[in-house]
Amino acid sequence: MNSTTPPIERLLDIMAKLRDPETGCPWDTQQTFKTIAPYTLEETYEVIDAIEREDFSDLKGELGDLLFQVVFYAQMAKEQLLFDFDEICQTVSDKLEHRHPHIFDAENHPDGHAALAGWEKRKSVERAQKAQFSVLDDIPSALPALMKAYKIQKRCASVGFDWDTLGPVVDKVREELDEVMEEATQVVVDEQRLEEEIGDLLFATVNLSRHLGHKPEMALNKACQKFEKRFRQIESRLALEGKTTETATLEEMEQHWLQIKLAE
């Protein structure tokens, strides 16, 4: 294909060739919507990771990988006469213009508050058109649990089901923690009940994160990165002492942990 071909057309053409039943790639031709879905999730997290690392050269490549996922779905849908890439673009363009009349409607310029209210109203209409009459109906069931909890709480808050001060939110976290410990210290622990109480505690903690203005998925991911960085340093320090995590005592590892934390 010559250099004057638009990049997106080149990508669509490559995808069509990869999926060609006669001359395409054996792996690509065997894929379905369901088999590709896990890769889409993986590519999404790799985009987020590049952003967190502020590696914008890597981000360019990861965004390309994510775009390729969309192109893959579009090609499979085209083969089944469902829709194609152009229709995907048309659908999202129509949706964006419809949800932003304050930008695209020259006769309609509401202020920020009115624009937000209008956004929620239009989304409600869209859900009704899809026979989705609950504000929770179109939340994907496959979302990671933290993201799903955050989205559920945000949706409920949009219709007024939410505390308007931080105090009750904090109290709820403490209440749920007490209930976890009460169940965990029973003579005979009901494991199913304990799991339920732990879930309630996590849900309440997500709500606290939301009220404080932070997305729990991102906050926990950063905590994981911080923990991993510190633990790797513990391993390095132990190696210099001729030890491993298997041969070192907990007290020795905790001492290194405190030193690393103080050094930060």
C-alpha atoms as a PDB file:
ATOM      1  CA  MET A   1       0.000   0.000   0.000  1.00  0.00           C
ATOM      2  CA  ASN A   2       1.443   3.396  -0.965  1.00  0.00           C
ATOM      3  CA  SER A   3       2.434   6.144   1.441  1.00  0.00           C
ATOM      4  CA  THR A   4      -0.555   8.322   0.517  1.00  0.00           C
ATOM      5  CA  THR A   5      -3.002   5.829   2.020  1.00  0.00           C
ATOM      6  CA  PRO A   6      -4.553   7.254   5.211  1.00  0.00           C
ATOM      7  CA  PRO A   7      -3.117   5.415   8.253  1.00  0.00           C
ATOM      8  CA  ILE A   8      -6.524   4.178   9.425  1.00  0.00           C
ATOM      9  CA  GLU A   9      -7.270   2.744   5.970  1.00  0.00           C
ATOM     10  CA  ARG A  10      -3.898   0.980   6.031  1.00  0.00           C
ATOM     11  CA  LEU A  11      -4.704  -0.518   9.440  1.00  0.00           C
ATOM     12  CA  LEU A  12      -8.161  -1.685   8.308  1.00  0.00           C
ATOM     13  CA  ASP A  13      -6.622  -3.267   5.214  1.00  0.00           C
ATOM     14  CA  ILE A  14      -3.990  -5.086   7.296  1.00  0.00           C
ATOM     15  CA  MET A  15      -6.736  -6.422   9.562  1.00  0.00           C
ATOM     16  CA  ALA A  16      -8.759  -7.661   6.586  1.00  0.00           C
ATOM     17  CA  LYS A  17      -5.705  -9.476   5.240  1.00  0.00           C
ATOM     18  CA  LEU A  18      -4.995 -11.063   8.623  1.00  0.00           C
ATOM     19  CA  ARG A  19      -8.576 -12.367   8.749  1.00  0.00           C
ATOM     20  CA  ASP A  20      -8.675 -13.620   5.146  1.00  0.00           C
ATOM     21  CA  PRO A  21      -9.912 -17.239   5.394  1.00  0.00           C
ATOM     22  CA  GLU A  22      -7.618 -18.379   2.593  1.00  0.00           C
ATOM     23  CA  THR A  23      -4.386 -16.404   3.008  1.00  0.00           C
ATOM     24  CA  GLY A  24      -4.708 -14.868   6.480  1.00  0.00           C
ATOM     25  CA  CYS A  25      -2.910 -15.595   9.727  1.00  0.00           C
ATOM     26  CA  PRO A  26      -4.096 -18.929  11.235  1.00  0.00           C
ATOM     27  CA  TRP A  27      -4.300 -17.428  14.727  1.00  0.00           C
ATOM     28  CA  ASP A  28      -6.222 -14.298  13.681  1.00  0.00           C
ATOM     29  CA  THR A  29      -8.722 -16.223  11.565  1.00  0.00           C
ATOM     30  CA  GLN A  30      -9.639 -18.450  14.517  1.00  0.00           C
ATOM     31  CA  GLN A  31     -10.507 -15.616  16.896  1.00  0.00           C
ATOM     32  CA  THR A  32     -14.009 -14.615  18.011  1.00  0.00           C
ATOM     33  CA  PHE A  33     -15.454 -11.715  19.992  1.00  0.00           C
ATOM     34  CA  LYS A  34     -15.153 -13.756  23.188  1.00  0.00           C
ATOM     35  CA  THR A  35     -11.572 -14.918  22.623  1.00  0.00           C
ATOM     36  CA  ILE A  36     -10.366 -11.379  21.870  1.00  0.00           C
ATOM     37  CA  ALA A  37     -12.103  -9.783  24.887  1.00  0.00           C
ATOM     38  CA  PRO A  38      -9.392 -10.740  27.452  1.00  0.00           C
ATOM     39  CA  TYR A  39      -6.736  -9.147  25.230  1.00  0.00           C
ATOM     40  CA  THR A  40      -8.750  -5.937  25.121  1.00  0.00           C
ATOM     41  CA  LEU A  41      -8.733  -5.772  28.910  1.00  0.00           C
ATOM     42  CA  GLU A  42      -4.995  -6.479  28.984  1.00  0.00           C
ATOM     43  CA  GLU A  43      -4.272  -3.758  26.417  1.00  0.00           C
ATOM     44  CA  THR A  44      -6.379  -1.271  28.379  1.00  0.00           C
ATOM     45  CA  TYR A  45      -4.325  -1.871  31.513  1.00  0.00           C
ATOM     46  CA  GLU A  46      -1.102  -1.504  29.520  1.00  0.00           C
ATOM     47  CA  VAL A  47      -2.307   1.916  28.332  1.00  0.00           C
ATOM     48  CA  ILE A  48      -2.972   2.919  31.941  1.00  0.00           C
ATOM     49  CA  ASP A  49       0.430   1.604  33.014  1.00  0.00           C
ATOM     50  CA  ALA A  50       2.205   3.699  30.359  1.00  0.00           C
ATOM     51  CA  ILE A  51       0.304   6.781  31.519  1.00  0.00           C
ATOM     52  CA  GLU A  52       1.221   6.128  35.144  1.00  0.00           C
ATOM     53  CA  ARG A  53       4.888   5.781  34.160  1.00  0.00           C
ATOM     54  CA  GLU A  54       4.602   8.898  31.960  1.00  0.00           C
ATOM     55  CA  ASP A  55       6.278   6.914  29.197  1.00  0.00           C
ATOM     56  CA  PHE A  56       4.654   8.666  26.263  1.00  0.00           C
ATOM     57  CA  SER A  57       6.702   6.857  23.645  1.00  0.00           C
ATOM     58  CA  ASP A  58       5.386   3.576  25.054  1.00  0.00           C
ATOM     59  CA  LEU A  59       1.915   5.096  25.356  1.00  0.00           C
ATOM     60  CA  LYS A  60       1.812   5.709  21.609  1.00  0.00           C
ATOM     61  CA  GLY A  61       2.435   2.021  20.982  1.00  0.00           C
ATOM     62  CA  GLU A  62      -0.026   0.876  23.647  1.00  0.00           C
ATOM     63  CA  LEU A  63      -2.765   3.131  22.239  1.00  0.00           C
ATOM     64  CA  GLY A  64      -2.069   1.587  18.862  1.00  0.00           C
ATOM     65  CA  ASP A  65      -2.515  -1.886  20.366  1.00  0.00           C
ATOM     66  CA  LEU A  66      -5.804  -0.773  21.927  1.00  0.00           C
ATOM     67  CA  LEU A  67      -7.002   0.722  18.641  1.00  0.00           C
ATOM     68  CA  PHE A  68      -6.141  -2.559  16.953  1.00  0.00           C
ATOM     69  CA  GLN A  69      -8.571  -4.285  19.314  1.00  0.00           C
ATOM     70  CA  VAL A  70     -11.384  -2.051  18.045  1.00  0.00           C
ATOM     71  CA  VAL A  71     -10.348  -2.712  14.448  1.00  0.00           C
ATOM     72  CA  PHE A  72     -10.324  -6.467  15.177  1.00  0.00           C
ATOM     73  CA  TYR A  73     -13.893  -6.345  16.501  1.00  0.00           C
ATOM     74  CA  ALA A  74     -14.981  -4.205  13.541  1.00  0.00           C
ATOM     75  CA  GLN A  75     -13.551  -6.690  11.041  1.00  0.00           C
ATOM     76  CA  MET A  76     -15.252  -9.657  12.700  1.00  0.00           C
ATOM     77  CA  ALA A  77     -18.548  -7.737  12.812  1.00  0.00           C
ATOM     78  CA  LYS A  78     -18.179  -6.808   9.140  1.00  0.00           C
ATOM     79  CA  GLU A  79     -17.668 -10.466   8.233  1.00  0.00           C
ATOM     80  CA  GLN A  80     -20.917 -11.311  10.039  1.00  0.00           C
ATOM     81  CA  LEU A  81     -22.764  -8.379   8.394  1.00  0.00           C
ATOM     82  CA  LEU A  82     -23.370  -6.780  11.796  1.00  0.00           C
ATOM     83  CA  PHE A  83     -21.606  -3.418  11.390  1.00  0.00           C
ATOM     84  CA  ASP A  84     -18.242  -2.047  10.259  1.00  0.00           C
ATOM     85  CA  PHE A  85     -15.612   0.416  11.462  1.00  0.00           C
ATOM     86  CA  ASP A  86     -17.277   3.405   9.823  1.00  0.00           C
ATOM     87  CA  GLU A  87     -20.524   2.622  11.626  1.00  0.00           C
ATOM     88  CA  ILE A  88     -18.648   2.472  14.928  1.00  0.00           C
ATOM     89  CA  CYS A  89     -17.255   5.947  14.267  1.00  0.00           C
ATOM     90  CA  GLN A  90     -20.673   7.206  13.156  1.00  0.00           C
ATOM     91  CA  THR A  91     -22.370   5.844  16.271  1.00  0.00           C
ATOM     92  CA  VAL A  92     -19.940   7.415  18.734  1.00  0.00           C
ATOM     93  CA  SER A  93     -19.985  10.718  16.819  1.00  0.00           C
ATOM     94  CA  ASP A  94     -23.782  10.825  16.914  1.00  0.00           C
ATOM     95  CA  LYS A  95     -23.725  10.029  20.640  1.00  0.00           C
ATOM     96  CA  LEU A  96     -21.191  12.763  21.438  1.00  0.00           C
ATOM     97  CA  GLU A  97     -23.072  15.413  19.482  1.00  0.00           C
ATOM     98  CA  HIS A  98     -26.365  14.369  21.080  1.00  0.00           C
ATOM     99  CA  ARG A  99     -24.913  14.532  24.602  1.00  0.00           C
ATOM    100  CA  HIS A 100     -23.223  17.902  24.043  1.00  0.00           C
ATOM    101  CA  PRO A 101     -25.858  20.231  22.597  1.00  0.00           C
ATOM    102  CA  HIS A 102     -24.175  23.104  24.465  1.00  0.00           C
ATOM    103  CA  ILE A 103     -21.222  22.600  22.083  1.00  0.00           C
ATOM    104  CA  PHE A 104     -22.791  21.466  18.821  1.00  0.00           C
ATOM    105  CA  ASP A 105     -26.185  23.206  18.956  1.00  0.00           C
ATOM    106  CA  ALA A 106     -25.640  26.852  18.059  1.00  0.00           C
ATOM    107  CA  GLU A 107     -28.972  27.828  19.644  1.00  0.00           C
ATOM    108  CA  ASN A 108     -28.394  25.989  22.915  1.00  0.00           C
ATOM    109  CA  HIS A 109     -25.602  27.191  25.216  1.00  0.00           C
ATOM    110  CA  PRO A 110     -26.444  26.265  28.862  1.00  0.00           C
ATOM    111  CA  ASP A 111     -24.021  26.967  31.677  1.00  0.00           C
ATOM    112  CA  GLY A 112     -21.926  24.200  33.212  1.00  0.00           C
ATOM    113  CA  HIS A 113     -24.506  23.147  35.817  1.00  0.00           C
ATOM    114  CA  ALA A 114     -27.326  23.021  33.286  1.00  0.00           C
ATOM    115  CA  ALA A 115     -25.100  21.135  30.847  1.00  0.00           C
ATOM    116  CA  LEU A 116     -24.389  18.441  33.480  1.00  0.00           C
ATOM    117  CA  ALA A 117     -28.093  18.141  34.338  1.00  0.00           C
ATOM    118  CA  GLY A 118     -28.888  17.857  30.654  1.00  0.00           C
ATOM    119  CA  TRP A 119     -26.249  15.156  30.248  1.00  0.00           C
ATOM    120  CA  GLU A 120     -27.837  13.028  32.959  1.00  0.00           C
ATOM    121  CA  LYS A 121     -31.309  13.585  31.509  1.00  0.00           C
ATOM    122  CA  ARG A 122     -30.188  12.529  28.029  1.00  0.00           C
ATOM    123  CA  LYS A 123     -28.500   9.424  29.404  1.00  0.00           C
ATOM    124  CA  SER A 124     -31.748   8.539  31.191  1.00  0.00           C
ATOM    125  CA  VAL A 125     -33.645   8.880  27.916  1.00  0.00           C
ATOM    126  CA  GLU A 126     -31.074   6.675  26.170  1.00  0.00           C
ATOM    127  CA  ARG A 127     -31.449   4.009  28.850  1.00  0.00           C
ATOM    128  CA  ALA A 128     -35.236   4.151  28.524  1.00  0.00           C
ATOM    129  CA  GLN A 129     -34.940   3.680  24.758  1.00  0.00           C
ATOM    130  CA  LYS A 130     -32.953   0.511  25.457  1.00  0.00           C
ATOM    131  CA  ALA A 131     -35.564  -0.656  27.997  1.00  0.00           C
ATOM    132  CA  GLN A 132     -33.042   0.080  30.762  1.00  0.00           C
ATOM    133  CA  PHE A 133     -35.169   1.760  33.404  1.00  0.00           C
ATOM    134  CA  SER A 134     -32.731   1.580  36.314  1.00  0.00           C
ATOM    135  CA  VAL A 135     -29.797   3.968  36.568  1.00  0.00           C
ATOM    136  CA  LEU A 136     -27.692   0.826  37.111  1.00  0.00           C
ATOM    137  CA  ASP A 137     -28.866  -1.120  34.055  1.00  0.00           C
ATOM    138  CA  ASP A 138     -25.983  -0.363  31.671  1.00  0.00           C
ATOM    139  CA  ILE A 139     -23.116  -0.852  34.113  1.00  0.00           C
ATOM    140  CA  PRO A 140     -21.019  -3.708  32.636  1.00  0.00           C
ATOM    141  CA  SER A 141     -21.082  -6.817  34.817  1.00  0.00           C
ATOM    142  CA  ALA A 142     -17.507  -7.657  33.777  1.00  0.00           C
ATOM    143  CA  LEU A 143     -15.980  -4.497  35.264  1.00  0.00           C
ATOM    144  CA  PRO A 144     -13.282  -5.055  37.913  1.00  0.00           C
ATOM    145  CA  ALA A 145     -14.988  -5.000  41.306  1.00  0.00           C
ATOM    146  CA  LEU A 146     -13.491  -1.694  42.518  1.00  0.00           C
ATOM    147  CA  MET A 147     -14.459   0.084  39.310  1.00  0.00           C
ATOM    148  CA  LYS A 148     -17.926  -1.453  39.405  1.00  0.00           C
ATOM    149  CA  ALA A 149     -18.507  -0.382  43.026  1.00  0.00           C
ATOM    150  CA  TYR A 150     -17.357   3.150  42.187  1.00  0.00           C
ATOM    151  CA  LYS A 151     -19.646   3.347  39.165  1.00  0.00           C
ATOM    152  CA  ILE A 152     -22.655   1.998  41.092  1.00  0.00           C
ATOM    153  CA  GLN A 153     -22.147   4.557  43.859  1.00  0.00           C
ATOM    154  CA  LYS A 154     -21.648   7.398  41.395  1.00  0.00           C
ATOM    155  CA  ARG A 155     -24.837   6.492  39.535  1.00  0.00           C
ATOM    156  CA  CYS A 156     -26.840   6.331  42.759  1.00  0.00           C
ATOM    157  CA  ALA A 157     -25.383   9.679  43.827  1.00  0.00           C
ATOM    158  CA  SER A 158     -26.565  11.213  40.533  1.00  0.00           C
ATOM    159  CA  VAL A 159     -30.169  10.630  41.612  1.00  0.00           C
ATOM    160  CA  GLY A 160     -29.630  11.860  45.170  1.00  0.00           C
ATOM    161  CA  PHE A 161     -28.980   8.551  46.953  1.00  0.00           C
ATOM    162  CA  ASP A 162     -25.808   9.643  48.720  1.00  0.00           C
ATOM    163  CA  TRP A 163     -24.515  11.283  51.882  1.00  0.00           C
ATOM    164  CA  ASP A 164     -23.776  14.981  51.456  1.00  0.00           C
ATOM    165  CA  THR A 165     -21.103  15.129  54.179  1.00  0.00           C
ATOM    166  CA  LEU A 166     -18.002  13.048  54.872  1.00  0.00           C
ATOM    167  CA  GLY A 167     -18.862  12.104  58.476  1.00  0.00           C
ATOM    168  CA  PRO A 168     -21.417   9.361  57.777  1.00  0.00           C
ATOM    169  CA  VAL A 169     -19.150   7.909  55.085  1.00  0.00           C
ATOM    170  CA  VAL A 170     -16.288   7.518  57.560  1.00  0.00           C
ATOM    171  CA  ASP A 171     -18.667   6.146  60.201  1.00  0.00           C
ATOM    172  CA  LYS A 172     -19.839   3.504  57.729  1.00  0.00           C
ATOM    173  CA  VAL A 173     -16.281   2.329  57.109  1.00  0.00           C
ATOM    174  CA  ARG A 174     -15.710   1.983  60.851  1.00  0.00           C
ATOM    175  CA  GLU A 175     -19.018   0.175  61.271  1.00  0.00           C
ATOM    176  CA  GLU A 176     -18.175  -2.308  58.512  1.00  0.00           C
ATOM    177  CA  LEU A 177     -14.680  -2.902  59.963  1.00  0.00           C
ATOM    178  CA  ASP A 178     -16.233  -3.658  63.357  1.00  0.00           C
ATOM    179  CA  GLU A 179     -18.607  -6.140  61.721  1.00  0.00           C
ATOM    180  CA  VAL A 180     -15.727  -7.880  59.950  1.00  0.00           C
ATOM    181  CA  MET A 181     -13.807  -8.270  63.197  1.00  0.00           C
ATOM    182  CA  GLU A 182     -16.899  -9.395  65.091  1.00  0.00           C
ATOM    183  CA  GLU A 183     -17.442 -12.172  62.568  1.00  0.00           C
ATOM    184  CA  ALA A 184     -13.739 -13.051  62.317  1.00  0.00           C
ATOM    185  CA  THR A 185     -13.428 -13.559  66.086  1.00  0.00           C
ATOM    186  CA  GLN A 186     -16.368 -15.940  66.478  1.00  0.00           C
ATOM    187  CA  VAL A 187     -15.553 -19.313  68.020  1.00  0.00           C
ATOM    188  CA  VAL A 188     -16.876 -20.917  64.855  1.00  0.00           C
ATOM    189  CA  VAL A 189     -16.389 -18.603  61.902  1.00  0.00           C
ATOM    190  CA  ASP A 190     -19.050 -18.604  59.205  1.00  0.00           C
ATOM    191  CA  GLU A 191     -16.756 -18.144  56.181  1.00  0.00           C
ATOM    192  CA  GLN A 192     -19.568 -17.134  53.848  1.00  0.00           C
ATOM    193  CA  ARG A 193     -20.759 -14.506  56.306  1.00  0.00           C
ATOM    194  CA  LEU A 194     -17.190 -13.281  56.834  1.00  0.00           C
ATOM    195  CA  GLU A 195     -16.673 -12.902  53.090  1.00  0.00           C
ATOM    196  CA  GLU A 196     -19.889 -10.876  52.900  1.00  0.00           C
ATOM    197  CA  GLU A 197     -18.731  -8.565  55.686  1.00  0.00           C
ATOM    198  CA  ILE A 198     -15.332  -8.082  54.014  1.00  0.00           C
ATOM    199  CA  GLY A 199     -17.167  -7.180  50.815  1.00  0.00           C
ATOM    200  CA  ASP A 200     -19.246  -4.608  52.690  1.00  0.00           C
ATOM    201  CA  LEU A 201     -16.063  -3.108  54.142  1.00  0.00           C
ATOM    202  CA  LEU A 202     -14.469  -2.845  50.703  1.00  0.00           C
ATOM    203  CA  PHE A 203     -17.646  -1.277  49.268  1.00  0.00           C
ATOM    204  CA  ALA A 204     -17.696   1.298  52.074  1.00  0.00           C
ATOM    205  CA  THR A 205     -13.999   2.058  51.497  1.00  0.00           C
ATOM    206  CA  VAL A 206     -14.681   2.643  47.802  1.00  0.00           C
ATOM    207  CA  ASN A 207     -17.366   5.109  48.839  1.00  0.00           C
ATOM    208  CA  LEU A 208     -14.878   6.925  51.096  1.00  0.00           C
ATOM    209  CA  SER A 209     -12.408   7.143  48.223  1.00  0.00           C
ATOM    210  CA  ARG A 210     -15.125   8.533  45.953  1.00  0.00           C
ATOM    211  CA  HIS A 211     -16.173  11.176  48.475  1.00  0.00           C
ATOM    212  CA  LEU A 212     -12.540  12.231  48.841  1.00  0.00           C
ATOM    213  CA  GLY A 213     -12.312  12.690  45.079  1.00  0.00           C
ATOM    214  CA  HIS A 214     -10.160   9.698  44.145  1.00  0.00           C
ATOM    215  CA  LYS A 215     -10.896   6.669  42.001  1.00  0.00           C
ATOM    216  CA  PRO A 216     -10.234   3.556  44.099  1.00  0.00           C
ATOM    217  CA  GLU A 217      -8.903   1.483  41.202  1.00  0.00           C
ATOM    218  CA  MET A 218      -6.142   4.013  40.562  1.00  0.00           C
ATOM    219  CA  ALA A 219      -5.442   4.526  44.268  1.00  0.00           C
ATOM    220  CA  LEU A 220      -5.083   0.795  44.911  1.00  0.00           C
ATOM    221  CA  ASN A 221      -2.951   0.336  41.817  1.00  0.00           C
ATOM    222  CA  LYS A 222      -0.533   3.000  43.081  1.00  0.00           C
ATOM    223  CA  ALA A 223      -0.487   1.312  46.487  1.00  0.00           C
ATOM    224  CA  CYS A 224       0.409  -1.980  44.787  1.00  0.00           C
ATOM    225  CA  GLN A 225       3.232  -0.284  42.880  1.00  0.00           C
ATOM    226  CA  LYS A 226       4.557   1.283  46.073  1.00  0.00           C
ATOM    227  CA  PHE A 227       4.425  -2.004  47.963  1.00  0.00           C
ATOM    228  CA  GLU A 228       6.117  -3.879  45.120  1.00  0.00           C
ATOM    229  CA  LYS A 229       8.909  -1.293  44.919  1.00  0.00           C
ATOM    230  CA  ARG A 230       9.574  -1.518  48.653  1.00  0.00           C
ATOM    231  CA  PHE A 231       9.449  -5.310  48.741  1.00  0.00           C
ATOM    232  CA  ARG A 232      11.911  -5.585  45.857  1.00  0.00           C
ATOM    233  CA  GLN A 233      14.263  -3.354  47.852  1.00  0.00           C
ATOM    234  CA  ILE A 234      13.907  -5.693  50.825  1.00  0.00           C
ATOM    235  CA  GLU A 235      14.929  -8.601  48.586  1.00  0.00           C
ATOM    236  CA  SER A 236      17.947  -6.617  47.318  1.00  0.00           C
ATOM    237  CA  ARG A 237      19.056  -5.689  50.840  1.00  0.00           C
ATOM    238  CA  LEU A 238      18.736  -9.269  52.031  1.00  0.00           C
ATOM    239  CA  ALA A 239      20.761 -10.488  49.054  1.00  0.00           C
ATOM    240  CA  LEU A 240      23.613  -8.155  50.078  1.00  0.00           C
ATOM    241  CA  GLU A 241      23.499  -9.849  53.502  1.00  0.00           C
ATOM    242  CA  GLY A 242      23.625 -13.286  51.915  1.00  0.00           C
ATOM    243  CA  LYS A 243      20.011 -13.997  52.800  1.00  0.00           C
ATOM    244  CA  THR A 244      16.705 -14.548  51.019  1.00  0.00           C
ATOM    245  CA  THR A 245      13.100 -13.926  52.017  1.00  0.00           C
ATOM    246  CA  GLU A 246      12.939 -17.637  52.868  1.00  0.00           C
ATOM    247  CA  THR A 247      15.906 -17.535  55.267  1.00  0.00           C
ATOM    248  CA  ALA A 248      15.358 -14.079  56.798  1.00  0.00           C
ATOM    249  CA  THR A 249      13.101 -13.601  59.812  1.00  0.00           C
ATOM    250  CA  LEU A 250       9.996 -11.471  59.739  1.00  0.00           C
ATOM    251  CA  GLU A 251      11.664  -9.056  62.145  1.00  0.00           C
ATOM    252  CA  GLU A 252      14.619  -8.614  59.764  1.00  0.00           C
ATOM    253  CA  MET A 253      12.330  -7.937  56.821  1.00  0.00           C
ATOM    254  CA  GLU A 254      10.228  -5.483  58.826  1.00  0.00           C
ATOM    255  CA  GLN A 255      13.380  -3.622  59.877  1.00  0.00           C
ATOM    256  CA  HIS A 256      14.403  -3.210  56.247  1.00  0.00           C
ATOM    257  CA  TRP A 257      10.855  -2.133  55.395  1.00  0.00           C
ATOM    258  CA  LEU A 258      10.951   0.648  57.996  1.00  0.00           C
ATOM    259  CA  GLN A 259      14.366   1.827  56.792  1.00  0.00           C
ATOM    260  CA  ILE A 260      13.177   1.926  53.181  1.00  0.00           C
ATOM    261  CA  LYS A 261      10.016   3.788  54.174  1.00  0.00           C
ATOM    262  CA  LEU A 262      12.005   6.360  56.147  1.00  0.00           C
ATOM    263  CA  ALA A 263      14.408   6.842  53.248  1.00  0.00           C
ATOM    264  CA  GLU A 264      11.512   7.746  50.967  1.00  0.00           C
END
